[in-house]
C-alpha atoms as a PDB file:
ATOM      1  CA  GLU A   1      -0.167  -0.005  -0.032  1.00  0.00           C
ATOM      2  CA  ILE A   2       2.906   2.360   0.697  1.00  0.00           C
ATOM      3  CA  ILE A   3       4.492   1.339  -2.683  1.00  0.00           C
ATOM      4  CA  LEU A   4       1.198   2.646  -4.307  1.00  0.00           C
ATOM      5  CA  THR A   5       0.655   5.585  -2.722  1.00  0.00           C
ATOM      6  CA  ILE A   6       4.047   6.776  -3.786  1.00  0.00           C
ATOM      7  CA  ILE A   7       3.443   5.925  -7.371  1.00  0.00           C
ATOM      8  CA  GLN A   8       0.057   7.534  -7.256  1.00  0.00           C
ATOM      9  CA  GLN A   9       1.367  10.437  -5.851  1.00  0.00           C
ATOM     10  CA  GLN A  10       4.196  10.313  -8.391  1.00  0.00           C
ATOM     11  CA  THR A  11       2.000  10.448 -11.461  1.00  0.00           C
ATOM     12  CA  THR A  12      -0.666  12.576 -10.806  1.00  0.00           C
ATOM     13  CA  THR A  13       1.802  15.697  -9.449  1.00  0.00           C
ATOM     14  CA  THR A  14       4.588  17.229 -11.475  1.00  0.00           C
ATOM     15  CA  THR A  15       6.909  18.094  -7.694  1.00  0.00           C
ATOM     16  CA  SER A  16       6.721  15.918  -4.499  1.00  0.00           C
ATOM     17  CA  SER A  17       8.538  15.719  -1.261  1.00  0.00           C
ATOM     18  CA  ILE A  18       9.703  12.200  -0.107  1.00  0.00           C
ATOM     19  CA  VAL A  19      11.426  11.153   2.770  1.00  0.00           C
ATOM     20  CA  THR A  20      12.923   7.765   2.809  1.00  0.00           C
ATOM     21  CA  CYS A  21      15.531   6.105   5.009  1.00  0.00           C
ATOM     22  CA  PRO A  22      19.048   6.360   3.907  1.00  0.00           C
ATOM     23  CA  PRO A  23      19.918   3.474   2.027  1.00  0.00           C
ATOM     24  CA  ALA A  24      21.640   0.601   4.077  1.00  0.00           C
ATOM     25  CA  GLU A  25      23.427  -2.579   3.374  1.00  0.00           C
ATOM     26  CA  ILE A  26      21.534  -5.548   3.374  1.00  0.00           C
ATOM     27  CA  ASP A  27      22.399  -8.139   5.516  1.00  0.00           C
ATOM     28  CA  SER A  28      21.333 -11.325   7.215  1.00  0.00           C
ATOM     29  CA  ASN A  29      19.156  -9.123   9.942  1.00  0.00           C
ATOM     30  CA  VAL A  30      17.263  -7.185   6.960  1.00  0.00           C
ATOM     31  CA  SER A  31      13.883  -9.420   6.323  1.00  0.00           C
ATOM     32  CA  ILE A  32      13.287  -9.150   2.735  1.00  0.00           C
ATOM     33  CA  THR A  33       9.845  -9.284   0.879  1.00  0.00           C
ATOM     34  CA  LYS A  34      10.204  -9.501  -2.688  1.00  0.00           C
ATOM     35  CA  THR A  35       7.240  -8.315  -4.964  1.00  0.00           C
ATOM     36  CA  THR A  36       6.979  -7.725  -8.672  1.00  0.00           C
ATOM     37  CA  ILE A  37       4.214  -4.641  -9.173  1.00  0.00           C
ATOM     38  CA  THR A  38       4.003  -3.214 -12.672  1.00  0.00           C
ATOM     39  CA  THR A  39       2.243  -0.008 -13.219  1.00  0.00           C
ATOM     40  CA  THR A  40       0.764   1.115 -16.177  1.00  0.00           C
ATOM     41  CA  THR A  41      -0.054   5.298 -16.465  1.00  0.00           C
ATOM     42  CA  ALA A  42      -2.279   5.854 -19.306  1.00  0.00           C
ATOM     43  CA  THR A  43      -2.736   8.733 -21.490  1.00  0.00           C
ATOM     44  CA  ASP A  44      -2.741  11.996 -22.380  1.00  0.00           C
ATOM     45  CA  SER A  45      -7.322  12.407 -22.719  1.00  0.00           C
ATOM     46  CA  THR A  46      -6.942  16.034 -23.996  1.00  0.00           C
ATOM     47  CA  HIS A  47      -6.980  14.998 -27.378  1.00  0.00           C
ATOM     48  CA  SER A  48      -9.518  15.923 -29.880  1.00  0.00           C
ATOM     49  CA  ASN A  49     -11.364  13.864 -32.856  1.00  0.00           C
ATOM     50  CA  ALA A  50     -12.336  17.497 -34.561  1.00  0.00           C
ATOM     51  CA  PHE A  51     -11.084  17.689 -38.485  1.00  0.00           C
ATOM     52  CA  HIS A  52     -10.567  20.307 -40.497  1.00  0.00           C
ATOM     53  CA  GLY A  53     -13.500  19.976 -42.880  1.00  0.00           C
ATOM     54  CA  ILE A  54     -14.458  22.832 -45.908  1.00  0.00           C
ATOM     55  CA  ARG A  55     -15.653  25.129 -43.766  1.00  0.00           C
ATOM     56  CA  LYS A  56     -16.297  23.688 -40.437  1.00  0.00           C
ATOM     57  CA  ASP A  57     -14.846  21.042 -38.427  1.00  0.00           C
ATOM     58  CA  VAL A  58     -16.100  17.342 -39.280  1.00  0.00           C
ATOM     59  CA  SER A  59     -16.344  14.647 -36.059  1.00  0.00           C
ATOM     60  CA  ALA A  60     -14.533  11.415 -36.069  1.00  0.00           C
ATOM     61  CA  SER A  61     -18.398   9.738 -35.635  1.00  0.00           C
ATOM     62  CA  GLU A  62     -19.622  11.450 -39.135  1.00  0.00           C
ATOM     63  CA  LEU A  63     -16.789  10.036 -40.815  1.00  0.00           C
ATOM     64  CA  LEU A  64     -17.323   7.017 -39.620  1.00  0.00           C
ATOM     65  CA  GLU A  65     -20.617   6.543 -40.179  1.00  0.00           C
ATOM     66  CA  CYS A  66     -19.966   7.755 -43.792  1.00  0.00           C
ATOM     67  CA  LYS A  67     -17.595   4.634 -44.163  1.00  0.00           C
ATOM     68  CA  ILE A  68     -14.455   7.536 -44.890  1.00  0.00           C
ATOM     69  CA  ILE A  69     -12.687   5.816 -41.858  1.00  0.00           C
ATOM     70  CA  ASP A  70     -13.537   2.197 -40.621  1.00  0.00           C
ATOM     71  CA  GLU A  71     -14.127   1.024 -36.961  1.00  0.00           C
ATOM     72  CA  LYS A  72     -10.589   0.203 -36.182  1.00  0.00           C
ATOM     73  CA  ILE A  73      -9.527   3.851 -37.172  1.00  0.00           C
ATOM     74  CA  PHE A  74     -12.481   5.152 -35.106  1.00  0.00           C
ATOM     75  CA  GLU A  75     -11.083   3.365 -32.293  1.00  0.00           C
ATOM     76  CA  GLU A  76      -7.517   3.721 -32.616  1.00  0.00           C
ATOM     77  CA  LEU A  77      -8.723   7.966 -32.596  1.00  0.00           C
ATOM     78  CA  ASN A  78     -10.191   7.700 -29.461  1.00  0.00           C
ATOM     79  CA  ALA A  79      -7.557   5.928 -27.432  1.00  0.00           C
ATOM     80  CA  GLY A  80      -5.070   8.626 -28.998  1.00  0.00           C
ATOM     81  CA  LYS A  81      -1.432   8.034 -28.458  1.00  0.00           C
ATOM     82  CA  ALA A  82      -0.747   6.627 -25.079  1.00  0.00           C
ATOM     83  CA  TRP A  83       2.070   6.238 -23.341  1.00  0.00           C
ATOM     84  CA  ASN A  84       2.799   3.599 -20.533  1.00  0.00           C
ATOM     85  CA  LYS A  85       5.097   3.227 -17.702  1.00  0.00           C
ATOM     86  CA  GLU A  86       5.779  -0.368 -16.666  1.00  0.00           C
ATOM     87  CA  MET A  87       7.414  -0.506 -13.096  1.00  0.00           C
ATOM     88  CA  VAL A  88       8.778  -4.067 -11.980  1.00  0.00           C
ATOM     89  CA  PHE A  89      10.636  -3.387  -7.979  1.00  0.00           C
ATOM     90  CA  SER A  90      11.487  -5.426  -5.649  1.00  0.00           C
ATOM     91  CA  VAL A  91      10.568  -4.465  -2.178  1.00  0.00           C
ATOM     92  CA  ILE A  92      13.095  -4.755   0.737  1.00  0.00           C
ATOM     93  CA  TYR A  93      11.990  -4.103   4.330  1.00  0.00           C
ATOM     94  CA  ASP A  94      14.491  -3.884   7.059  1.00  0.00           C
ATOM     95  CA  GLU A  95      12.669  -5.272  10.383  1.00  0.00           C
ATOM     96  CA  ALA A  96      15.655  -4.048  12.796  1.00  0.00           C
ATOM     97  CA  SER A  97      15.447  -0.081  11.549  1.00  0.00           C
ATOM     98  CA  GLY A  98      11.849  -0.092   9.432  1.00  0.00           C
ATOM     99  CA  CYS A  99      13.517   1.351   6.614  1.00  0.00           C
ATOM    100  CA  LEU A 100      11.920   0.952   3.690  1.00  0.00           C
ATOM    101  CA  GLY A 101      13.197   0.495   0.011  1.00  0.00           C
ATOM    102  CA  LEU A 102      13.184  -0.309  -3.786  1.00  0.00           C
ATOM    103  CA  GLU A 103      15.541  -2.486  -6.102  1.00  0.00           C
ATOM    104  CA  GLN A 104      14.623  -2.655  -9.846  1.00  0.00           C
ATOM    105  CA  ASP A 105      14.264  -6.041 -11.277  1.00  0.00           C
ATOM    106  CA  GLN A 106      17.227  -6.210 -13.056  1.00  0.00           C
ATOM    107  CA  GLY A 107      18.923  -9.438 -11.419  1.00  0.00           C
ATOM    108  CA  SER A 108      20.344  -7.486  -8.487  1.00  0.00           C
ATOM    109  CA  SER A 109      21.995 -10.109  -5.689  1.00  0.00           C
ATOM    110  CA  ARG A 110      21.296  -9.825  -2.240  1.00  0.00           C
ATOM    111  CA  GLY A 111      23.837  -8.120  -1.008  1.00  0.00           C
ATOM    112  CA  SER A 112      23.266  -5.072  -3.187  1.00  0.00           C
ATOM    113  CA  MET A 113      22.330  -1.646  -2.036  1.00  0.00           C
ATOM    114  CA  MET A 114      18.944  -0.786  -1.373  1.00  0.00           C
ATOM    115  CA  LYS A 115      17.361   2.017  -3.079  1.00  0.00           C
ATOM    116  CA  PRO A 116      15.644   4.545  -1.764  1.00  0.00           C
ATOM    117  CA  VAL A 117      11.854   5.056  -3.202  1.00  0.00           C
ATOM    118  CA  ALA A 118      12.205   7.966  -5.442  1.00  0.00           C
ATOM    119  CA  ALA A 119      14.537   5.824  -7.665  1.00  0.00           C
ATOM    120  CA  TRP A 120      11.490   4.063  -9.552  1.00  0.00           C
ATOM    121  CA  ALA A 121      11.082   7.159 -11.787  1.00  0.00           C
ATOM    122  CA  SER A 122      13.853   5.565 -13.532  1.00  0.00           C
ATOM    123  CA  SER A 123      11.309   2.479 -15.640  1.00  0.00           C
ATOM    124  CA  LYS A 124      10.997   2.509 -19.161  1.00  0.00           C
ATOM    125  CA  THR A 125       8.415   3.855 -21.326  1.00  0.00           C
ATOM    126  CA  ARG A 126       6.728   2.638 -24.258  1.00  0.00           C
ATOM    127  CA  GLU A 127       4.304   4.057 -26.461  1.00  0.00           C
ATOM    128  CA  VAL A 128       0.961   2.025 -27.086  1.00  0.00           C
ATOM    129  CA  PRO A 129      -0.528   2.214 -30.740  1.00  0.00           C
ATOM    130  CA  GLY A 130      -3.011   4.396 -31.318  1.00  0.00           C
ATOM    131  CA  VAL A 131      -3.533   7.449 -34.573  1.00  0.00           C
ATOM    132  CA  THR A 132      -4.029  11.324 -34.109  1.00  0.00           C
ATOM    133  CA  VAL A 133      -6.251  12.952 -36.177  1.00  0.00           C
ATOM    134  CA  THR A 134      -3.320  14.799 -37.841  1.00  0.00           C
ATOM    135  CA  GLU A 135      -2.337  11.107 -38.741  1.00  0.00           C
ATOM    136  CA  VAL A 136      -5.628  10.299 -40.521  1.00  0.00           C
ATOM    137  CA  SER A 137      -6.171  13.668 -41.564  1.00  0.00           C
ATOM    138  CA  GLU A 138      -2.898  12.935 -43.939  1.00  0.00           C
ATOM    139  CA  MET A 139      -4.446   9.647 -45.385  1.00  0.00           C
ATOM    140  CA  ASP A 140      -5.042  10.033 -49.080  1.00  0.00           C
ATOM    141  CA  SER A 141      -8.269   8.174 -48.606  1.00  0.00           C
ATOM    142  CA  VAL A 142      -9.677  10.390 -46.030  1.00  0.00           C
ATOM    143  CA  ARG A 143      -7.860  14.046 -47.226  1.00  0.00           C
ATOM    144  CA  LYS A 144     -10.048  13.659 -50.731  1.00  0.00           C
ATOM    145  CA  TYR A 145     -13.226  13.878 -48.100  1.00  0.00           C
ATOM    146  CA  LEU A 146     -12.064  16.380 -46.252  1.00  0.00           C
ATOM    147  CA  GLU A 147     -10.199  18.898 -49.073  1.00  0.00           C
ATOM    148  CA  GLY A 148     -11.195  17.284 -52.213  1.00  0.00           C
ATOM    149  CA  THR A 149      -8.595  17.436 -54.750  1.00  0.00           C
ATOM    150  CA  ASN A 150      -7.241  20.089 -57.222  1.00  0.00           C
ATOM    151  CA  SER A 151      -9.560  22.134 -59.300  1.00  0.00           C
ATOM    152  CA  ILE A 152      -8.509  24.605 -62.248  1.00  0.00           C
ATOM    153  CA  ALA A 153      -6.476  26.945 -59.959  1.00  0.00           C
ATOM    154  CA  GLY A 154      -5.310  29.552 -62.227  1.00  0.00           C
ATOM    155  CA  VAL A 155      -3.896  30.076 -66.205  1.00  0.00           C
ATOM    156  CA  TYR A 156      -0.375  29.296 -66.959  1.00  0.00           C
ATOM    157  CA  LEU A 157       0.858  31.366 -69.599  1.00  0.00           C
ATOM    158  CA  GLN A 158       3.283  29.619 -71.699  1.00  0.00           C
ATOM    159  CA  SER A 159       4.645  32.493 -73.820  1.00  0.00           C
ATOM    160  CA  ASN A 160       6.232  33.898 -71.013  1.00  0.00           C
ATOM    161  CA  LYS A 161       5.917  31.522 -68.125  1.00  0.00           C
ATOM    162  CA  GLU A 162       3.257  33.494 -66.160  1.00  0.00           C
ATOM    163  CA  THR A 163       1.203  32.179 -63.894  1.00  0.00           C
ATOM    164  CA  MET A 164      -2.091  34.397 -63.054  1.00  0.00           C
ATOM    165  CA  SER A 165      -5.513  33.978 -61.739  1.00  0.00           C
ATOM    166  CA  ILE A 166      -8.754  33.537 -63.652  1.00  0.00           C
ATOM    167  CA  TYR A 167      -9.858  37.061 -62.959  1.00  0.00           C
ATOM    168  CA  GLU A 168      -6.867  38.253 -64.190  1.00  0.00           C
ATOM    169  CA  ALA A 169      -6.472  36.144 -67.312  1.00  0.00           C
ATOM    170  CA  LYS A 170     -10.212  37.810 -68.137  1.00  0.00           C
ATOM    171  CA  SER A 171      -8.970  41.338 -67.202  1.00  0.00           C
ATOM    172  CA  LYS A 172      -6.084  40.726 -70.054  1.00  0.00           C
ATOM    173  CA  ASN A 173      -7.732  39.759 -72.794  1.00  0.00           C
ATOM    174  CA  LEU A 174      -6.766  35.638 -71.884  1.00  0.00           C
ATOM    175  CA  LEU A 175     -10.304  34.563 -71.476  1.00  0.00           C
ATOM    176  CA  THR A 176     -13.570  35.203 -72.263  1.00  0.00           C
ATOM    177  CA  PRO A 177     -16.123  36.540 -69.427  1.00  0.00           C
ATOM    178  CA  GLY A 178     -18.118  33.258 -70.395  1.00  0.00           C
ATOM    179  CA  THR A 179     -15.307  30.924 -69.529  1.00  0.00           C
ATOM    180  CA  SER A 180     -13.695  32.836 -66.859  1.00  0.00           C
ATOM    181  CA  LEU A 181     -17.420  33.132 -65.095  1.00  0.00           C
ATOM    182  CA  VAL A 182     -17.734  29.436 -65.367  1.00  0.00           C
ATOM    183  CA  LEU A 183     -14.116  28.569 -64.330  1.00  0.00           C
ATOM    184  CA  LEU A 184     -14.246  30.874 -61.218  1.00  0.00           C
ATOM    185  CA  GLU A 185     -18.149  29.134 -60.529  1.00  0.00           C
ATOM    186  CA  ALA A 186     -16.590  26.149 -60.517  1.00  0.00           C
ATOM    187  CA  GLN A 187     -13.940  27.003 -57.616  1.00  0.00           C
ATOM    188  CA  ALA A 188     -16.780  28.292 -55.368  1.00  0.00           C
ATOM    189  CA  ALA A 189     -18.892  25.140 -56.129  1.00  0.00           C
ATOM    190  CA  THR A 190     -15.919  23.213 -54.972  1.00  0.00           C
ATOM    191  CA  GLY A 191     -14.617  24.670 -51.840  1.00  0.00           C
ATOM    192  CA  PHE A 192     -12.737  27.956 -52.347  1.00  0.00           C
ATOM    193  CA  ILE A 193     -11.480  30.389 -55.068  1.00  0.00           C
ATOM    194  CA  ILE A 194      -8.065  30.325 -55.429  1.00  0.00           C
ATOM    195  CA  ASP A 195      -5.072  32.928 -56.009  1.00  0.00           C
ATOM    196  CA  PRO A 196      -2.491  30.607 -57.536  1.00  0.00           C
ATOM    197  CA  VAL A 197       0.254  33.367 -57.178  1.00  0.00           C
ATOM    198  CA  LYS A 198      -0.351  33.395 -53.091  1.00  0.00           C
ATOM    199  CA  ASN A 199      -1.051  29.867 -53.175  1.00  0.00           C
ATOM    200  CA  LYS A 200      -4.344  30.727 -51.061  1.00  0.00           C
ATOM    201  CA  LYS A 201      -7.873  29.483 -50.497  1.00  0.00           C
ATOM    202  CA  LEU A 202     -10.423  31.974 -49.983  1.00  0.00           C
ATOM    203  CA  SER A 203     -14.015  32.335 -49.467  1.00  0.00           C
ATOM    204  CA  VAL A 204     -15.746  34.672 -52.059  1.00  0.00           C
ATOM    205  CA  GLU A 205     -15.872  37.283 -49.817  1.00  0.00           C
ATOM    206  CA  GLU A 206     -12.486  37.252 -49.055  1.00  0.00           C
ATOM    207  CA  ALA A 207     -11.077  36.708 -52.715  1.00  0.00           C
ATOM    208  CA  ALA A 208     -13.207  39.817 -53.436  1.00  0.00           C
ATOM    209  CA  ALA A 209     -11.498  42.144 -50.675  1.00  0.00           C
ATOM    210  CA  GLN A 210      -8.141  40.928 -51.532  1.00  0.00           C
ATOM    211  CA  GLY A 211      -8.604  41.527 -55.242  1.00  0.00           C
ATOM    212  CA  VAL A 212      -8.719  38.201 -56.488  1.00  0.00           C
ATOM    213  CA  ILE A 213     -11.809  38.458 -58.073  1.00  0.00           C
ATOM    214  CA  GLY A 214     -14.036  41.882 -58.969  1.00  0.00           C
ATOM    215  CA  ASN A 215     -16.804  42.697 -57.277  1.00  0.00           C
ATOM    216  CA  ASP A 216     -18.604  43.062 -60.159  1.00  0.00           C
ATOM    217  CA  TRP A 217     -19.102  39.072 -60.271  1.00  0.00           C
ATOM    218  CA  LYS A 218     -19.104  38.841 -56.631  1.00  0.00           C
ATOM    219  CA  LYS A 219     -23.070  38.462 -56.586  1.00  0.00           C
ATOM    220  CA  LYS A 220     -22.364  35.421 -58.792  1.00  0.00           C
ATOM    221  CA  LEU A 221     -19.920  33.555 -57.329  1.00  0.00           C
ATOM    222  CA  LEU A 222     -21.454  33.629 -53.657  1.00  0.00           C
ATOM    223  CA  SER A 223     -24.440  31.977 -55.600  1.00  0.00           C
ATOM    224  CA  ALA A 224     -22.285  29.063 -56.614  1.00  0.00           C
ATOM    225  CA  GLU A 225     -20.679  28.983 -53.691  1.00  0.00           C
ATOM    226  CA  ARG A 226     -24.101  28.161 -51.981  1.00  0.00           C
ATOM    227  CA  ALA A 227     -22.954  24.448 -53.593  1.00  0.00           C
ATOM    228  CA  VAL A 228     -20.977  24.409 -50.329  1.00  0.00           C
ATOM    229  CA  THR A 229     -22.255  26.324 -47.663  1.00  0.00           C
ATOM    230  CA  GLY A 230     -25.873  25.114 -49.006  1.00  0.00           C
ATOM    231  CA  TYR A 231     -29.060  26.467 -49.593  1.00  0.00           C
ATOM    232  CA  ARG A 232     -32.303  27.302 -47.825  1.00  0.00           C
ATOM    233  CA  ASP A 233     -35.172  25.143 -48.863  1.00  0.00           C
ATOM    234  CA  PRO A 234     -37.857  28.657 -48.787  1.00  0.00           C
ATOM    235  CA  TYR A 235     -40.764  25.803 -47.365  1.00  0.00           C
ATOM    236  CA  THR A 236     -39.006  24.312 -44.498  1.00  0.00           C
ATOM    237  CA  GLU A 237     -35.966  26.716 -43.769  1.00  0.00           C
ATOM    238  CA  LYS A 238     -33.593  23.895 -43.868  1.00  0.00           C
ATOM    239  CA  THR A 239     -30.104  23.204 -45.389  1.00  0.00           C
ATOM    240  CA  ILE A 240     -30.044  21.442 -48.697  1.00  0.00           C
ATOM    241  CA  SER A 241     -27.665  20.349 -51.114  1.00  0.00           C
ATOM    242  CA  LEU A 242     -26.703  21.221 -54.893  1.00  0.00           C
ATOM    243  CA  PHE A 243     -28.518  18.385 -55.962  1.00  0.00           C
ATOM    244  CA  GLN A 244     -31.814  18.992 -53.980  1.00  0.00           C
ATOM    245  CA  ALA A 245     -31.614  22.638 -54.891  1.00  0.00           C
ATOM    246  CA  LEU A 246     -31.628  21.490 -58.315  1.00  0.00           C
ATOM    247  CA  LYS A 247     -34.595  19.095 -57.674  1.00  0.00           C
ATOM    248  CA  LYS A 248     -36.553  21.632 -56.010  1.00  0.00           C
ATOM    249  CA  ASP A 249     -35.823  24.127 -59.239  1.00  0.00           C
ATOM    250  CA  LEU A 250     -34.117  26.463 -56.994  1.00  0.00           C
ATOM    251  CA  ILE A 251     -31.237  27.340 -59.670  1.00  0.00           C
ATOM    252  CA  VAL A 252     -30.999  26.394 -63.439  1.00  0.00           C
ATOM    253  CA  LYS A 253     -30.362  23.099 -64.422  1.00  0.00           C
ATOM    254  CA  ASP A 254     -27.923  23.942 -66.643  1.00  0.00           C
ATOM    255  CA  HIS A 255     -26.005  25.503 -63.834  1.00  0.00           C
ATOM    256  CA  GLY A 256     -26.554  23.190 -61.157  1.00  0.00           C
ATOM    257  CA  ILE A 257     -25.388  20.128 -63.393  1.00  0.00           C
ATOM    258  CA  ARG A 258     -21.749  21.877 -64.883  1.00  0.00           C
ATOM    259  CA  LEU A 259     -21.446  22.534 -60.642  1.00  0.00           C
ATOM    260  CA  LEU A 260     -22.513  19.596 -59.695  1.00  0.00           C
ATOM    261  CA  GLU A 261     -20.033  17.428 -62.277  1.00  0.00           C
ATOM    262  CA  ALA A 262     -17.291  19.991 -60.782  1.00  0.00           C
ATOM    263  CA  GLN A 263     -17.748  18.250 -57.512  1.00  0.00           C
ATOM    264  CA  ILE A 264     -17.565  15.205 -58.729  1.00  0.00           C
ATOM    265  CA  ALA A 265     -14.822  15.732 -60.652  1.00  0.00           C
ATOM    266  CA  THR A 266     -12.906  16.971 -57.527  1.00  0.00           C
ATOM    267  CA  GLY A 267     -13.144  14.471 -55.295  1.00  0.00           C
ATOM    268  CA  GLY A 268     -16.567  13.822 -54.216  1.00  0.00           C
ATOM    269  CA  ILE A 269     -20.568  16.135 -53.978  1.00  0.00           C
ATOM    270  CA  ILE A 270     -20.162  18.121 -50.704  1.00  0.00           C
ATOM    271  CA  ASP A 271     -22.665  17.364 -47.686  1.00  0.00           C
ATOM    272  CA  PRO A 272     -23.284  21.301 -47.139  1.00  0.00           C
ATOM    273  CA  VAL A 273     -25.076  20.111 -43.425  1.00  0.00           C
ATOM    274  CA  HIS A 274     -21.317  18.350 -42.320  1.00  0.00           C
ATOM    275  CA  SER A 275     -18.824  20.469 -44.235  1.00  0.00           C
ATOM    276  CA  HIS A 276     -17.199  17.396 -46.382  1.00  0.00           C
ATOM    277  CA  ARG A 277     -17.287  15.556 -49.188  1.00  0.00           C
ATOM    278  CA  VAL A 278     -19.128  12.117 -49.158  1.00  0.00           C
ATOM    279  CA  PRO A 279     -18.847   9.258 -50.958  1.00  0.00           C
ATOM    280  CA  VAL A 280     -21.673   8.396 -53.603  1.00  0.00           C
ATOM    281  CA  GLU A 281     -23.342   5.526 -51.900  1.00  0.00           C
ATOM    282  CA  VAL A 282     -23.671   7.904 -49.114  1.00  0.00           C
ATOM    283  CA  ALA A 283     -24.966  10.722 -51.102  1.00  0.00           C
ATOM    284  CA  TYR A 284     -27.817   8.445 -52.313  1.00  0.00           C
ATOM    285  CA  GLN A 285     -28.456   7.442 -48.891  1.00  0.00           C
ATOM    286  CA  ARG A 286     -28.936  11.458 -47.982  1.00  0.00           C
ATOM    287  CA  GLY A 287     -30.564  12.145 -50.961  1.00  0.00           C
ATOM    288  CA  TYR A 288     -27.570  14.419 -52.670  1.00  0.00           C
ATOM    289  CA  PHE A 289     -27.782  12.633 -56.240  1.00  0.00           C
ATOM    290  CA  ASP A 290     -29.970   9.743 -57.906  1.00  0.00           C
ATOM    291  CA  GLU A 291     -29.178   7.499 -60.625  1.00  0.00           C
ATOM    292  CA  GLU A 292     -30.714   9.890 -63.183  1.00  0.00           C
ATOM    293  CA  MET A 293     -28.366  12.311 -62.789  1.00  0.00           C
ATOM    294  CA  ASN A 294     -25.540   9.538 -62.255  1.00  0.00           C
ATOM    295  CA  GLN A 295     -26.372   8.381 -65.886  1.00  0.00           C
ATOM    296  CA  ILE A 296     -26.633  11.719 -67.157  1.00  0.00           C
ATOM    297  CA  LEU A 297     -23.168  12.904 -65.355  1.00  0.00           C
ATOM    298  CA  SER A 298     -22.012   9.300 -66.797  1.00  0.00           C
ATOM    299  CA  ASP A 299     -22.685   9.416 -70.224  1.00  0.00           C
ATOM    300  CA  PRO A 300     -22.337  13.437 -71.138  1.00  0.00           C
ATOM    301  CA  ASP A 301     -23.344  15.005 -74.399  1.00  0.00           C
ATOM    302  CA  ASP A 302     -22.696  18.280 -75.770  1.00  0.00           C
ATOM    303  CA  ASP A 303     -25.578  19.949 -73.767  1.00  0.00           C
ATOM    304  CA  THR A 304     -23.677  19.376 -70.254  1.00  0.00           C
ATOM    305  CA  LYS A 305     -20.511  19.194 -71.300  1.00  0.00           C
ATOM    306  CA  GLY A 306     -20.282  22.938 -69.509  1.00  0.00           C
ATOM    307  CA  PHE A 307     -16.411  23.646 -69.775  1.00  0.00           C
ATOM    308  CA  PHE A 308     -14.610  25.517 -72.693  1.00  0.00           C
ATOM    309  CA  ASP A 309     -11.155  24.838 -74.247  1.00  0.00           C
ATOM    310  CA  PRO A 310      -9.941  27.986 -75.177  1.00  0.00           C
ATOM    311  CA  ASN A 311      -6.760  26.079 -77.041  1.00  0.00           C
ATOM    312  CA  THR A 312      -9.060  23.583 -78.879  1.00  0.00           C
ATOM    313  CA  HIS A 313     -12.589  25.352 -78.960  1.00  0.00           C
ATOM    314  CA  GLU A 314     -13.869  22.029 -77.627  1.00  0.00           C
ATOM    315  CA  ASN A 315     -17.130  21.965 -74.867  1.00  0.00           C
ATOM    316  CA  LEU A 316     -15.580  19.531 -72.572  1.00  0.00           C
ATOM    317  CA  THR A 317     -16.626  18.168 -68.851  1.00  0.00           C
ATOM    318  CA  TYR A 318     -15.034  19.657 -65.473  1.00  0.00           C
ATOM    319  CA  LEU A 319     -12.834  16.443 -65.517  1.00  0.00           C
ATOM    320  CA  GLN A 320     -11.572  16.052 -69.199  1.00  0.00           C
ATOM    321  CA  LEU A 321     -10.041  19.950 -68.477  1.00  0.00           C
ATOM    322  CA  ILE A 322      -8.757  19.224 -65.640  1.00  0.00           C
ATOM    323  CA  GLU A 323      -6.639  16.292 -67.220  1.00  0.00           C
ATOM    324  CA  ARG A 324      -5.466  18.718 -69.898  1.00  0.00           C
ATOM    325  CA  CYS A 325      -4.119  20.814 -66.887  1.00  0.00           C
ATOM    326  CA  VAL A 326      -0.309  21.502 -65.847  1.00  0.00           C
ATOM    327  CA  THR A 327       0.748  21.033 -62.722  1.00  0.00           C
ATOM    328  CA  ASP A 328       2.771  23.707 -60.967  1.00  0.00           C
ATOM    329  CA  PRO A 329       5.839  22.309 -59.864  1.00  0.00           C
ATOM    330  CA  ARG A 330       5.572  24.768 -57.200  1.00  0.00           C
ATOM    331  CA  THR A 331       2.027  24.870 -55.318  1.00  0.00           C
ATOM    332  CA  GLY A 332       1.019  21.513 -56.675  1.00  0.00           C
ATOM    333  CA  LEU A 333      -1.918  23.406 -58.250  1.00  0.00           C
ATOM    334  CA  SER A 334      -3.762  22.382 -61.654  1.00  0.00           C
ATOM    335  CA  LEU A 335      -3.225  25.624 -64.103  1.00  0.00           C
ATOM    336  CA  LEU A 336      -5.073  25.515 -67.405  1.00  0.00           C
ATOM    337  CA  SER A 337      -2.588  26.318 -69.860  1.00  0.00           C
ATOM    338  CA  LEU A 338      -2.904  29.005 -73.000  1.00  0.00           C
ATOM    339  CA  ASP A 339      -0.899  28.465 -76.056  1.00  0.00           C
ATOM    340  CA  LYS A 340      -1.221  32.338 -76.353  1.00  0.00           C
END
């Protein structure tokens, strides 16, 4: 009991004052009780299981429900990183003097010097398997749904090897206003307006304030951004998804299909309530997608190919246009290369 009390004091306080008898040689007058004690101290329980979603935090239980993580990862997240201290001692009691000593079980002989009680702190420490939010967030299978994959971030001008934003390319007459607006709406609907020069992701409000877009397009881009933050159902006042708004005729069909296709091409349909992308089967379950729309997007015709390639003058899907982009070696962003 004395030993366990001392151990408890050491594990629950950072400093303590322990009075022990001076070490003494063990001789034939010493009564020895040799007891092996193994203690395990629990892990730090202050960790948080909140992941960074598109616009707000996402819980581990939500990721589990969407099958983005499995039960094993979920349990390891709840356990966190654990550090166990395992201590094995011989308890030696000198009946003649009333002194209590501790001796670590390292095969010491009976004639060794008794060590003071405070010496237990030299016991070994080992890490118990577990995972952190940061480690799970960096898994490709998880990052895809939390952050998405690259949208078309800007323009790369081959003639002078210059990178610029979509809006700047429009201002310099390198892209038509129509092509530029469609590309910026796709950015807004897939998460953020992108500044490819400074490698920053911004909300529409932030992008307008920092001059990445002009105020003339702010209203239209705020409308497209609702594909991320959600639309308001005028009858129920509930937040609904892009697809649900499309089905309720709250947005124009061609416009909605174009934004939905951009979401799918960059990692998956966005759940505006929980602020992350979801696998296709979960999108079906939550009413964010259906078989008819899947068929339209799986077999696109010229009417649903809503993105223009300024180099070849072809109408393409968003995925097809992304595949024709170049990757900025500095930022990893996808840039639409212009031959001009």
